[in-house]
Amino acid sequence: MIEIKRSIARGWGKGELYDILLQLQQGLYPISGETYYVSKVGNNTDGLTWEKAFTTIAAAIAANNTYIAVTANSYGRNRMYIDAGNLWSEDLATFPNQCDMIGVGARTGWTSTIYGATAITTAVTGCHVYNMLFNNPNASGKVVVIPDDSHGIEFHKCNFSGAGTCTHGLVIGSLADFVVSDCRFGGNPPAAIGILLEGSMAIGTIKDNWIGATTTGIQIANGTTADYGLLIKDNVIGRPDPNSTAQLTTGILISDTNSRCHTFFVNNFISAEDAISFVGGSMQNMDAWLCIGNHVVQTATGVIETAES
C-alpha cells in the first residue's frame, strides 16, 4: 500500500497502478522488461501505454518477441494487457516468449476473447496466460495448439470453446513444466476431446479445471512415455452440454502402449462410461497405484474409485 500511495503522489496513470495491484492480488512475479498494452482504441504505435496501445494481439506478440530476442536475457519477463472491451478476430500462430499475457476488463465476464484459430507453430518459452477466452469458430478445428519443444507454458482462468464439430479444446505437444489451472472447457456441444497430450513428454500439472467434452476429457496419447512428472488433480470432467442425453465416453484415457503411464490421478470428479481407462498400459498394477481418491459416476452408478483396470 505504501508503494501505491507513492505512485499516486507521483501522478502515475491507471496502467501503472493496475500493474502494482495485479502483482499484489495475483502474486505475479515482477517483470524486468516492458509492459505492452493491446486495445482497439490505441494509436498502434509502440504499445507502451493504453493511449499508444497496439490494435492487434499479433502486433504486441511480435514486439514482445523482438524485445526478448534483442535483450537475450533468459531471466527477463515482459507483461501484456489485452483489453476485454474488444472481440479479437485473429488467427494466432505465435505466442509471446517470457511474458504474462493478461486479459483485463469485462467484455464476456472477465475475459478477453480471441475469436479464431490459435494454432501456435513456433516453440514458445515461459508464456503465462491469464483470463483469456479462446474460441475457434472453424468447423472441425482445434481451439489452442501448443507445439513440441515449448517450455513453461501456463494457462490460468482461461476458457476454451469451439464450433459444434470442434475436435480438441487444448492440444499440448512434447512439453515440460506446463500448468493448466482453474480453466473451463465448454461449448454447446464442447469439443470431442478436452485436453490432448500428444507429444513424447508431458511433465506438468492439470488441476482445478472444469472439463466438458463429448468423447474424452483428457487423453494421454500413445508415445507419451515421459509423463512421470504429470499430476492430474481436482478436475471436474463430464459431458454437460444441454442438447445431449449421452454420458461422456471416457473421462481420462491413457493410450500409451510403451510402459506404465507414470501419472498421478488424484481427487478428480468424473462422470463417464469409463472414468479412467488404461487402454495401452502394460503394467496396470503400477498404474492403479497412482489413482488416489477419484470420485466417479460410471454409467449412472455412483462409486468412489481409486483405480480401474
C-alpha atoms as a PDB file:
ATOM      1  CA  MET A   1       0.000   0.000   0.000  1.00  0.00           C
ATOM      2  CA  ILE A   2       2.913   2.318   0.632  1.00  0.00           C
ATOM      3  CA  GLU A   3       4.073   1.822  -2.949  1.00  0.00           C
ATOM      4  CA  ILE A   4       0.569   2.584  -4.258  1.00  0.00           C
ATOM      5  CA  LYS A   5       0.448   5.847  -2.264  1.00  0.00           C
ATOM      6  CA  ARG A   6       3.835   6.824  -3.663  1.00  0.00           C
ATOM      7  CA  SER A   7       2.569   6.068  -7.161  1.00  0.00           C
ATOM      8  CA  ILE A   8      -0.447   8.314  -6.677  1.00  0.00           C
ATOM      9  CA  ALA A   9       1.801  11.073  -5.383  1.00  0.00           C
ATOM     10  CA  ARG A  10       3.980  10.769  -8.481  1.00  0.00           C
ATOM     11  CA  GLY A  11       0.927  11.100 -10.717  1.00  0.00           C
ATOM     12  CA  TRP A  12       1.221   7.691 -12.347  1.00  0.00           C
ATOM     13  CA  GLY A  13      -1.579   6.590 -14.636  1.00  0.00           C
ATOM     14  CA  LYS A  14      -4.079   3.762 -14.342  1.00  0.00           C
ATOM     15  CA  GLY A  15      -1.861   1.309 -16.166  1.00  0.00           C
ATOM     16  CA  GLU A  16       0.968   1.581 -13.664  1.00  0.00           C
ATOM     17  CA  LEU A  17      -1.393   1.405 -10.689  1.00  0.00           C
ATOM     18  CA  TYR A  18      -3.176  -1.619 -12.135  1.00  0.00           C
ATOM     19  CA  ASP A  19       0.199  -3.267 -12.635  1.00  0.00           C
ATOM     20  CA  ILE A  20       1.055  -2.881  -8.944  1.00  0.00           C
ATOM     21  CA  LEU A  21      -2.387  -4.064  -7.792  1.00  0.00           C
ATOM     22  CA  LEU A  22      -2.183  -7.119 -10.027  1.00  0.00           C
ATOM     23  CA  GLN A  23       1.140  -8.107  -8.509  1.00  0.00           C
ATOM     24  CA  LEU A  24      -0.296  -7.780  -5.008  1.00  0.00           C
ATOM     25  CA  GLN A  25      -3.563  -9.597  -5.706  1.00  0.00           C
ATOM     26  CA  GLN A  26      -2.476 -12.371  -8.096  1.00  0.00           C
ATOM     27  CA  GLY A  27       1.063 -12.912  -6.865  1.00  0.00           C
ATOM     28  CA  LEU A  28       2.622 -12.479 -10.290  1.00  0.00           C
ATOM     29  CA  TYR A  29       6.364 -12.120 -10.438  1.00  0.00           C
ATOM     30  CA  PRO A  30       7.580  -8.553 -11.025  1.00  0.00           C
ATOM     31  CA  ILE A  31       8.630  -8.000 -14.609  1.00  0.00           C
ATOM     32  CA  SER A  32      12.090  -6.840 -15.598  1.00  0.00           C
ATOM     33  CA  GLY A  33      11.265  -5.691 -19.118  1.00  0.00           C
ATOM     34  CA  GLU A  34       8.405  -3.929 -20.882  1.00  0.00           C
ATOM     35  CA  THR A  35       4.664  -3.768 -20.334  1.00  0.00           C
ATOM     36  CA  TYR A  36       2.635  -3.846 -23.539  1.00  0.00           C
ATOM     37  CA  TYR A  37      -0.994  -2.788 -23.978  1.00  0.00           C
ATOM     38  CA  VAL A  38      -3.469  -4.016 -26.595  1.00  0.00           C
ATOM     39  CA  SER A  39      -6.662  -2.100 -27.352  1.00  0.00           C
ATOM     40  CA  LYS A  40      -8.554  -1.102 -30.474  1.00  0.00           C
ATOM     41  CA  VAL A  41      -8.780   2.458 -29.190  1.00  0.00           C
ATOM     42  CA  GLY A  42      -4.977   2.797 -29.078  1.00  0.00           C
ATOM     43  CA  ASN A  43      -2.976   4.530 -31.811  1.00  0.00           C
ATOM     44  CA  ASN A  44      -0.936   1.392 -32.666  1.00  0.00           C
ATOM     45  CA  THR A  45       2.494   2.922 -32.148  1.00  0.00           C
ATOM     46  CA  ASP A  46       4.774   1.310 -29.532  1.00  0.00           C
ATOM     47  CA  GLY A  47       2.117  -0.280 -27.292  1.00  0.00           C
ATOM     48  CA  LEU A  48       3.730   1.029 -24.093  1.00  0.00           C
ATOM     49  CA  THR A  49       0.635   2.841 -22.774  1.00  0.00           C
ATOM     50  CA  TRP A  50      -3.120   2.441 -23.292  1.00  0.00           C
ATOM     51  CA  GLU A  51      -3.059   5.553 -25.498  1.00  0.00           C
ATOM     52  CA  LYS A  52      -0.303   4.042 -27.676  1.00  0.00           C
ATOM     53  CA  ALA A  53      -1.695   0.525 -27.469  1.00  0.00           C
ATOM     54  CA  PHE A  54      -1.260  -1.973 -30.267  1.00  0.00           C
ATOM     55  CA  THR A  55      -4.533  -2.598 -32.057  1.00  0.00           C
ATOM     56  CA  THR A  56      -3.887  -6.297 -32.667  1.00  0.00           C
ATOM     57  CA  ILE A  57      -2.646  -9.042 -30.365  1.00  0.00           C
ATOM     58  CA  ALA A  58      -0.306 -10.273 -33.097  1.00  0.00           C
ATOM     59  CA  ALA A  59       1.478  -6.898 -33.181  1.00  0.00           C
ATOM     60  CA  ALA A  60       2.035  -6.966 -29.420  1.00  0.00           C
ATOM     61  CA  ILE A  61       3.368 -10.532 -29.581  1.00  0.00           C
ATOM     62  CA  ALA A  62       5.788  -9.559 -32.356  1.00  0.00           C
ATOM     63  CA  ALA A  63       7.061  -6.575 -30.347  1.00  0.00           C
ATOM     64  CA  ASN A  64       7.472  -8.711 -27.242  1.00  0.00           C
ATOM     65  CA  ASN A  65       9.404 -11.442 -29.032  1.00  0.00           C
ATOM     66  CA  THR A  66      11.664  -8.911 -30.737  1.00  0.00           C
ATOM     67  CA  TYR A  67      12.434  -7.337 -27.361  1.00  0.00           C
ATOM     68  CA  ILE A  68      13.182 -10.709 -25.735  1.00  0.00           C
ATOM     69  CA  ALA A  69      15.422 -11.746 -28.645  1.00  0.00           C
ATOM     70  CA  VAL A  70      17.370  -8.479 -28.561  1.00  0.00           C
ATOM     71  CA  THR A  71      17.900  -8.468 -24.803  1.00  0.00           C
ATOM     72  CA  ALA A  72      18.860 -12.173 -24.825  1.00  0.00           C
ATOM     73  CA  ASN A  73      18.050 -12.313 -21.114  1.00  0.00           C
ATOM     74  CA  SER A  74      16.833 -15.740 -20.040  1.00  0.00           C
ATOM     75  CA  TYR A  75      15.588 -14.288 -16.736  1.00  0.00           C
ATOM     76  CA  GLY A  76      13.763 -11.281 -18.163  1.00  0.00           C
ATOM     77  CA  ARG A  77       9.965 -11.105 -18.375  1.00  0.00           C
ATOM     78  CA  ASN A  78       7.518  -8.799 -20.042  1.00  0.00           C
ATOM     79  CA  ARG A  79       3.817  -8.284 -19.463  1.00  0.00           C
ATOM     80  CA  MET A  80       0.939  -7.774 -21.882  1.00  0.00           C
ATOM     81  CA  TYR A  81      -2.524  -6.408 -21.011  1.00  0.00           C
ATOM     82  CA  ILE A  82      -5.293  -7.173 -23.520  1.00  0.00           C
ATOM     83  CA  ASP A  83      -8.444  -5.044 -23.429  1.00  0.00           C
ATOM     84  CA  ALA A  84     -11.533  -7.214 -22.958  1.00  0.00           C
ATOM     85  CA  GLY A  85     -13.710  -4.462 -24.394  1.00  0.00           C
ATOM     86  CA  ASN A  86     -12.959  -5.855 -27.842  1.00  0.00           C
ATOM     87  CA  LEU A  87     -13.545  -9.101 -29.714  1.00  0.00           C
ATOM     88  CA  TRP A  88     -10.197 -10.103 -31.193  1.00  0.00           C
ATOM     89  CA  SER A  89     -10.816 -11.834 -34.526  1.00  0.00           C
ATOM     90  CA  GLU A  90      -7.300 -13.122 -35.080  1.00  0.00           C
ATOM     91  CA  ASP A  91      -5.655 -16.411 -36.049  1.00  0.00           C
ATOM     92  CA  LEU A  92      -2.531 -16.589 -33.903  1.00  0.00           C
ATOM     93  CA  ALA A  93       0.499 -18.668 -34.937  1.00  0.00           C
ATOM     94  CA  THR A  94       2.870 -17.366 -32.244  1.00  0.00           C
ATOM     95  CA  PHE A  95       2.721 -16.675 -28.513  1.00  0.00           C
ATOM     96  CA  PRO A  96       4.860 -14.205 -26.539  1.00  0.00           C
ATOM     97  CA  ASN A  97       8.047 -15.635 -25.030  1.00  0.00           C
ATOM     98  CA  GLN A  98       8.823 -14.876 -21.379  1.00  0.00           C
ATOM     99  CA  CYS A  99       5.655 -12.848 -20.973  1.00  0.00           C
ATOM    100  CA  ASP A 100       2.493 -12.725 -18.841  1.00  0.00           C
ATOM    101  CA  MET A 101      -0.436 -12.412 -21.270  1.00  0.00           C
ATOM    102  CA  ILE A 102      -3.386 -10.998 -19.300  1.00  0.00           C
ATOM    103  CA  GLY A 103      -6.968 -10.254 -20.272  1.00  0.00           C
ATOM    104  CA  VAL A 104      -8.369  -7.215 -18.432  1.00  0.00           C
ATOM    105  CA  GLY A 105     -11.750  -5.502 -18.388  1.00  0.00           C
ATOM    106  CA  ALA A 106     -15.167  -7.046 -18.937  1.00  0.00           C
ATOM    107  CA  ARG A 107     -16.493  -7.965 -22.356  1.00  0.00           C
ATOM    108  CA  THR A 108     -17.601 -11.507 -21.544  1.00  0.00           C
ATOM    109  CA  GLY A 109     -17.425 -11.707 -17.792  1.00  0.00           C
ATOM    110  CA  TRP A 110     -13.772 -11.146 -17.017  1.00  0.00           C
ATOM    111  CA  THR A 111     -12.097 -12.490 -20.163  1.00  0.00           C
ATOM    112  CA  SER A 112     -10.618 -11.127 -23.363  1.00  0.00           C
ATOM    113  CA  THR A 113     -11.845 -13.163 -26.325  1.00  0.00           C
ATOM    114  CA  ILE A 114      -9.667 -14.400 -29.195  1.00  0.00           C
ATOM    115  CA  TYR A 115     -12.122 -15.426 -31.903  1.00  0.00           C
ATOM    116  CA  GLY A 116     -10.042 -17.521 -34.284  1.00  0.00           C
ATOM    117  CA  ALA A 117      -7.643 -20.433 -34.564  1.00  0.00           C
ATOM    118  CA  THR A 118      -4.820 -20.301 -32.014  1.00  0.00           C
ATOM    119  CA  ALA A 119      -2.544 -22.866 -33.649  1.00  0.00           C
ATOM    120  CA  ILE A 120       0.931 -21.994 -32.393  1.00  0.00           C
ATOM    121  CA  THR A 121       3.573 -23.264 -34.822  1.00  0.00           C
ATOM    122  CA  THR A 122       6.766 -21.928 -33.228  1.00  0.00           C
ATOM    123  CA  ALA A 123       8.026 -23.318 -29.902  1.00  0.00           C
ATOM    124  CA  VAL A 124       7.358 -20.862 -27.085  1.00  0.00           C
ATOM    125  CA  THR A 125       9.058 -20.430 -23.711  1.00  0.00           C
ATOM    126  CA  GLY A 126       7.680 -19.027 -20.470  1.00  0.00           C
ATOM    127  CA  CYS A 127       4.308 -17.734 -21.691  1.00  0.00           C
ATOM    128  CA  HIS A 128       1.762 -17.450 -18.854  1.00  0.00           C
ATOM    129  CA  VAL A 129      -1.800 -16.743 -19.998  1.00  0.00           C
ATOM    130  CA  TYR A 130      -4.474 -15.320 -17.663  1.00  0.00           C
ATOM    131  CA  ASN A 131      -8.183 -14.533 -18.154  1.00  0.00           C
ATOM    132  CA  MET A 132      -8.393 -15.268 -21.884  1.00  0.00           C
ATOM    133  CA  LEU A 133     -11.284 -16.867 -23.767  1.00  0.00           C
ATOM    134  CA  PHE A 134     -10.150 -18.844 -26.818  1.00  0.00           C
ATOM    135  CA  ASN A 135     -12.960 -19.548 -29.301  1.00  0.00           C
ATOM    136  CA  ASN A 136     -12.350 -21.288 -32.618  1.00  0.00           C
ATOM    137  CA  PRO A 137     -15.341 -20.771 -34.953  1.00  0.00           C
ATOM    138  CA  ASN A 138     -13.932 -23.122 -37.599  1.00  0.00           C
ATOM    139  CA  ALA A 139     -15.667 -26.463 -38.053  1.00  0.00           C
ATOM    140  CA  SER A 140     -13.521 -29.477 -37.117  1.00  0.00           C
ATOM    141  CA  GLY A 141     -10.919 -27.129 -35.675  1.00  0.00           C
ATOM    142  CA  LYS A 142      -8.703 -27.228 -32.609  1.00  0.00           C
ATOM    143  CA  VAL A 143      -9.095 -24.321 -30.202  1.00  0.00           C
ATOM    144  CA  VAL A 144      -5.480 -23.979 -28.970  1.00  0.00           C
ATOM    145  CA  VAL A 145      -2.421 -25.947 -30.096  1.00  0.00           C
ATOM    146  CA  ILE A 146       0.982 -25.718 -28.357  1.00  0.00           C
ATOM    147  CA  PRO A 147       3.837 -27.298 -30.388  1.00  0.00           C
ATOM    148  CA  ASP A 148       6.676 -29.619 -29.401  1.00  0.00           C
ATOM    149  CA  ASP A 149       9.770 -28.263 -27.640  1.00  0.00           C
ATOM    150  CA  SER A 150       7.883 -25.499 -25.851  1.00  0.00           C
ATOM    151  CA  HIS A 151       8.647 -24.937 -22.179  1.00  0.00           C
ATOM    152  CA  GLY A 152       6.981 -23.351 -19.170  1.00  0.00           C
ATOM    153  CA  ILE A 153       3.551 -22.670 -20.697  1.00  0.00           C
ATOM    154  CA  GLU A 154       0.751 -21.847 -18.245  1.00  0.00           C
ATOM    155  CA  PHE A 155      -2.987 -21.208 -18.610  1.00  0.00           C
ATOM    156  CA  HIS A 156      -4.904 -19.752 -15.635  1.00  0.00           C
ATOM    157  CA  LYS A 157      -8.619 -18.868 -15.531  1.00  0.00           C
ATOM    158  CA  CYS A 158      -8.915 -19.325 -19.298  1.00  0.00           C
ATOM    159  CA  ASN A 159     -11.855 -20.578 -21.340  1.00  0.00           C
ATOM    160  CA  PHE A 160     -11.575 -22.943 -24.331  1.00  0.00           C
ATOM    161  CA  SER A 161     -14.595 -23.176 -26.628  1.00  0.00           C
ATOM    162  CA  GLY A 162     -15.188 -24.111 -30.261  1.00  0.00           C
ATOM    163  CA  ALA A 163     -17.686 -24.680 -33.033  1.00  0.00           C
ATOM    164  CA  GLY A 164     -20.117 -27.596 -32.948  1.00  0.00           C
ATOM    165  CA  THR A 165     -17.688 -30.040 -34.587  1.00  0.00           C
ATOM    166  CA  CYS A 166     -14.579 -28.834 -32.777  1.00  0.00           C
ATOM    167  CA  THR A 167     -12.169 -31.731 -32.227  1.00  0.00           C
ATOM    168  CA  HIS A 168      -9.953 -30.518 -29.357  1.00  0.00           C
ATOM    169  CA  GLY A 169     -10.006 -27.803 -26.719  1.00  0.00           C
ATOM    170  CA  LEU A 170      -6.259 -27.763 -25.947  1.00  0.00           C
ATOM    171  CA  VAL A 171      -3.555 -29.807 -27.685  1.00  0.00           C
ATOM    172  CA  ILE A 172      -0.154 -29.916 -25.986  1.00  0.00           C
ATOM    173  CA  GLY A 173       2.901 -31.284 -27.776  1.00  0.00           C
ATOM    174  CA  SER A 174       6.097 -32.505 -26.126  1.00  0.00           C
ATOM    175  CA  LEU A 175       6.275 -30.057 -23.247  1.00  0.00           C
ATOM    176  CA  ALA A 176       7.838 -29.693 -19.810  1.00  0.00           C
ATOM    177  CA  ASP A 177       6.797 -27.542 -16.851  1.00  0.00           C
ATOM    178  CA  PHE A 178       3.329 -26.710 -18.099  1.00  0.00           C
ATOM    179  CA  VAL A 179       0.300 -25.734 -15.986  1.00  0.00           C
ATOM    180  CA  VAL A 180      -3.418 -25.743 -16.844  1.00  0.00           C
ATOM    181  CA  SER A 181      -5.251 -24.418 -13.792  1.00  0.00           C
ATOM    182  CA  ASP A 182      -8.765 -23.176 -12.999  1.00  0.00           C
ATOM    183  CA  CYS A 183      -9.760 -23.222 -16.677  1.00  0.00           C
ATOM    184  CA  ARG A 184     -13.045 -24.074 -18.382  1.00  0.00           C
ATOM    185  CA  PHE A 185     -13.526 -26.302 -21.429  1.00  0.00           C
ATOM    186  CA  GLY A 186     -17.039 -25.961 -22.766  1.00  0.00           C
ATOM    187  CA  GLY A 187     -19.395 -25.194 -25.607  1.00  0.00           C
ATOM    188  CA  ASN A 188     -22.708 -26.482 -26.898  1.00  0.00           C
ATOM    189  CA  PRO A 189     -21.522 -29.053 -27.615  1.00  0.00           C
ATOM    190  CA  PRO A 190     -17.977 -28.899 -26.242  1.00  0.00           C
ATOM    191  CA  ALA A 191     -15.008 -30.312 -28.157  1.00  0.00           C
ATOM    192  CA  ALA A 192     -14.744 -34.065 -28.673  1.00  0.00           C
ATOM    193  CA  ILE A 193     -11.549 -34.123 -26.578  1.00  0.00           C
ATOM    194  CA  GLY A 194     -10.959 -31.516 -23.878  1.00  0.00           C
ATOM    195  CA  ILE A 195      -7.168 -31.825 -23.452  1.00  0.00           C
ATOM    196  CA  LEU A 196      -4.866 -33.957 -25.599  1.00  0.00           C
ATOM    197  CA  LEU A 197      -1.248 -34.576 -24.552  1.00  0.00           C
ATOM    198  CA  GLU A 198       0.210 -35.813 -27.827  1.00  0.00           C
ATOM    199  CA  GLY A 199       3.968 -35.344 -27.532  1.00  0.00           C
ATOM    200  CA  SER A 200       6.620 -37.684 -26.185  1.00  0.00           C
ATOM    201  CA  MET A 201       6.921 -35.602 -22.995  1.00  0.00           C
ATOM    202  CA  ALA A 202       4.113 -34.431 -20.705  1.00  0.00           C
ATOM    203  CA  ILE A 203       5.581 -33.090 -17.478  1.00  0.00           C
ATOM    204  CA  GLY A 204       3.336 -30.632 -15.692  1.00  0.00           C
ATOM    205  CA  THR A 205       0.091 -30.060 -13.796  1.00  0.00           C
ATOM    206  CA  ILE A 206      -3.582 -30.141 -14.820  1.00  0.00           C
ATOM    207  CA  LYS A 207      -5.633 -29.091 -11.782  1.00  0.00           C
ATOM    208  CA  ASP A 208      -8.869 -27.453 -10.648  1.00  0.00           C
ATOM    209  CA  ASN A 209     -10.351 -27.344 -14.150  1.00  0.00           C
ATOM    210  CA  TRP A 210     -13.931 -27.708 -15.410  1.00  0.00           C
ATOM    211  CA  ILE A 211     -13.527 -30.009 -18.422  1.00  0.00           C
ATOM    212  CA  GLY A 212     -16.501 -30.606 -20.681  1.00  0.00           C
ATOM    213  CA  ALA A 213     -16.178 -32.868 -23.739  1.00  0.00           C
ATOM    214  CA  THR A 214     -18.288 -35.196 -25.876  1.00  0.00           C
ATOM    215  CA  THR A 215     -15.884 -38.157 -26.090  1.00  0.00           C
ATOM    216  CA  THR A 216     -12.816 -37.809 -23.830  1.00  0.00           C
ATOM    217  CA  GLY A 217     -11.987 -35.330 -21.095  1.00  0.00           C
ATOM    218  CA  ILE A 218      -8.186 -35.793 -21.025  1.00  0.00           C
ATOM    219  CA  GLN A 219      -6.187 -38.085 -23.295  1.00  0.00           C
ATOM    220  CA  ILE A 220      -2.529 -39.093 -22.911  1.00  0.00           C
ATOM    221  CA  ALA A 221      -1.620 -40.226 -26.398  1.00  0.00           C
ATOM    222  CA  ASN A 222       0.362 -43.265 -27.444  1.00  0.00           C
ATOM    223  CA  GLY A 223       4.060 -42.410 -27.395  1.00  0.00           C
ATOM    224  CA  THR A 224       3.821 -40.076 -24.401  1.00  0.00           C
ATOM    225  CA  THR A 225       6.394 -42.033 -22.430  1.00  0.00           C
ATOM    226  CA  ALA A 226       7.928 -39.196 -20.409  1.00  0.00           C
ATOM    227  CA  ASP A 227       4.843 -38.391 -18.322  1.00  0.00           C
ATOM    228  CA  TYR A 228       6.394 -39.396 -14.999  1.00  0.00           C
ATOM    229  CA  GLY A 229       6.153 -35.782 -13.832  1.00  0.00           C
ATOM    230  CA  LEU A 230       2.460 -35.324 -14.637  1.00  0.00           C
ATOM    231  CA  LEU A 231      -0.179 -34.553 -11.998  1.00  0.00           C
ATOM    232  CA  ILE A 232      -3.915 -34.563 -12.879  1.00  0.00           C
ATOM    233  CA  LYS A 233      -5.744 -33.387  -9.763  1.00  0.00           C
ATOM    234  CA  ASP A 234      -9.061 -31.925  -8.584  1.00  0.00           C
ATOM    235  CA  ASN A 235     -10.646 -31.635 -12.024  1.00  0.00           C
ATOM    236  CA  VAL A 236     -14.376 -31.980 -12.788  1.00  0.00           C
ATOM    237  CA  ILE A 237     -14.795 -33.960 -16.017  1.00  0.00           C
ATOM    238  CA  GLY A 238     -18.017 -34.831 -17.851  1.00  0.00           C
ATOM    239  CA  ARG A 239     -20.422 -34.019 -20.668  1.00  0.00           C
ATOM    240  CA  PRO A 240     -22.524 -31.006 -19.659  1.00  0.00           C
ATOM    241  CA  ASP A 241     -23.967 -29.800 -22.990  1.00  0.00           C
ATOM    242  CA  PRO A 242     -27.758 -29.352 -22.711  1.00  0.00           C
ATOM    243  CA  ASN A 243     -28.672 -30.900 -26.084  1.00  0.00           C
ATOM    244  CA  SER A 244     -27.337 -34.365 -25.311  1.00  0.00           C
ATOM    245  CA  THR A 245     -28.590 -37.203 -23.141  1.00  0.00           C
ATOM    246  CA  ALA A 246     -25.348 -39.197 -23.543  1.00  0.00           C
ATOM    247  CA  GLN A 247     -22.668 -39.620 -20.919  1.00  0.00           C
ATOM    248  CA  LEU A 248     -19.056 -38.797 -21.688  1.00  0.00           C
ATOM    249  CA  THR A 249     -17.352 -41.884 -23.166  1.00  0.00           C
ATOM    250  CA  THR A 250     -14.032 -41.718 -21.268  1.00  0.00           C
ATOM    251  CA  GLY A 251     -13.017 -39.346 -18.526  1.00  0.00           C
ATOM    252  CA  ILE A 252      -9.235 -39.842 -18.682  1.00  0.00           C
ATOM    253  CA  LEU A 253      -7.819 -42.055 -21.446  1.00  0.00           C
ATOM    254  CA  ILE A 254      -4.248 -43.369 -21.290  1.00  0.00           C
ATOM    255  CA  SER A 255      -3.417 -44.633 -24.782  1.00  0.00           C
ATOM    256  CA  ASP A 256       0.305 -45.274 -24.348  1.00  0.00           C
ATOM    257  CA  THR A 257       1.392 -48.829 -25.197  1.00  0.00           C
ATOM    258  CA  ASN A 258       5.059 -48.494 -24.266  1.00  0.00           C
ATOM    259  CA  SER A 259       5.082 -48.542 -20.480  1.00  0.00           C
ATOM    260  CA  ARG A 260       3.077 -47.593 -17.434  1.00  0.00           C
ATOM    261  CA  CYS A 261       1.659 -44.083 -17.538  1.00  0.00           C
ATOM    262  CA  HIS A 262       3.718 -42.676 -14.626  1.00  0.00           C
ATOM    263  CA  THR A 263       0.953 -40.134 -13.876  1.00  0.00           C
ATOM    264  CA  PHE A 264      -0.744 -39.278 -10.563  1.00  0.00           C
ATOM    265  CA  PHE A 265      -4.563 -39.097 -10.833  1.00  0.00           C
ATOM    266  CA  VAL A 266      -5.791 -37.534  -7.587  1.00  0.00           C
ATOM    267  CA  ASN A 267      -9.242 -36.381  -6.384  1.00  0.00           C
ATOM    268  CA  ASN A 268     -10.802 -35.958  -9.812  1.00  0.00           C
ATOM    269  CA  PHE A 269     -14.614 -35.921 -10.128  1.00  0.00           C
ATOM    270  CA  ILE A 270     -15.513 -37.806 -13.307  1.00  0.00           C
ATOM    271  CA  SER A 271     -18.817 -38.680 -14.959  1.00  0.00           C
ATOM    272  CA  ALA A 272     -18.201 -41.060 -17.879  1.00  0.00           C
ATOM    273  CA  GLU A 273     -18.978 -44.525 -19.170  1.00  0.00           C
ATOM    274  CA  ASP A 274     -15.351 -45.363 -18.357  1.00  0.00           C
ATOM    275  CA  ALA A 275     -13.802 -42.952 -15.864  1.00  0.00           C
ATOM    276  CA  ILE A 276     -10.084 -43.797 -16.097  1.00  0.00           C
ATOM    277  CA  SER A 277      -9.085 -46.128 -18.916  1.00  0.00           C
ATOM    278  CA  PHE A 278      -5.613 -47.653 -19.317  1.00  0.00           C
ATOM    279  CA  VAL A 279      -6.111 -48.864 -22.872  1.00  0.00           C
ATOM    280  CA  GLY A 280      -2.435 -49.289 -23.655  1.00  0.00           C
ATOM    281  CA  GLY A 281      -0.942 -49.751 -20.196  1.00  0.00           C
ATOM    282  CA  SER A 282       1.374 -52.744 -19.831  1.00  0.00           C
ATOM    283  CA  MET A 283       1.860 -52.501 -16.058  1.00  0.00           C
ATOM    284  CA  GLN A 284      -1.651 -51.878 -14.829  1.00  0.00           C
ATOM    285  CA  ASN A 285      -0.978 -52.559 -11.155  1.00  0.00           C
ATOM    286  CA  MET A 286       1.572 -49.756 -11.223  1.00  0.00           C
ATOM    287  CA  ASP A 287      -0.954 -47.515 -12.979  1.00  0.00           C
ATOM    288  CA  ALA A 288      -3.620 -48.370 -10.426  1.00  0.00           C
ATOM    289  CA  TRP A 289      -1.408 -47.438  -7.507  1.00  0.00           C
ATOM    290  CA  LEU A 290      -1.221 -43.864  -8.827  1.00  0.00           C
ATOM    291  CA  CYS A 291      -5.010 -43.396  -8.847  1.00  0.00           C
ATOM    292  CA  ILE A 292      -5.877 -41.855  -5.497  1.00  0.00           C
ATOM    293  CA  GLY A 293      -9.336 -40.886  -4.239  1.00  0.00           C
ATOM    294  CA  ASN A 294     -11.070 -40.225  -7.547  1.00  0.00           C
ATOM    295  CA  HIS A 295     -14.869 -39.811  -7.342  1.00  0.00           C
ATOM    296  CA  VAL A 296     -16.639 -41.214 -10.368  1.00  0.00           C
ATOM    297  CA  VAL A 297     -20.079 -41.837 -11.833  1.00  0.00           C
ATOM    298  CA  GLN A 298     -19.832 -44.648 -14.393  1.00  0.00           C
ATOM    299  CA  THR A 299     -22.943 -45.371 -16.452  1.00  0.00           C
ATOM    300  CA  ALA A 300     -25.111 -43.657 -13.858  1.00  0.00           C
ATOM    301  CA  THR A 301     -23.685 -45.718 -10.973  1.00  0.00           C
ATOM    302  CA  GLY A 302     -22.007 -43.618  -8.317  1.00  0.00           C
ATOM    303  CA  VAL A 303     -18.909 -45.156  -6.748  1.00  0.00           C
ATOM    304  CA  ILE A 304     -15.667 -43.999  -5.154  1.00  0.00           C
ATOM    305  CA  GLU A 305     -12.846 -45.220  -7.324  1.00  0.00           C
ATOM    306  CA  THR A 306      -9.152 -45.412  -6.512  1.00  0.00           C
ATOM    307  CA  ALA A 307      -8.181 -47.491  -9.536  1.00  0.00           C
ATOM    308  CA  GLU A 308      -9.560 -49.109 -12.620  1.00  0.00           C
ATOM    309  CA  SER A 309      -8.174 -51.922 -14.738  1.00  0.00           C
END
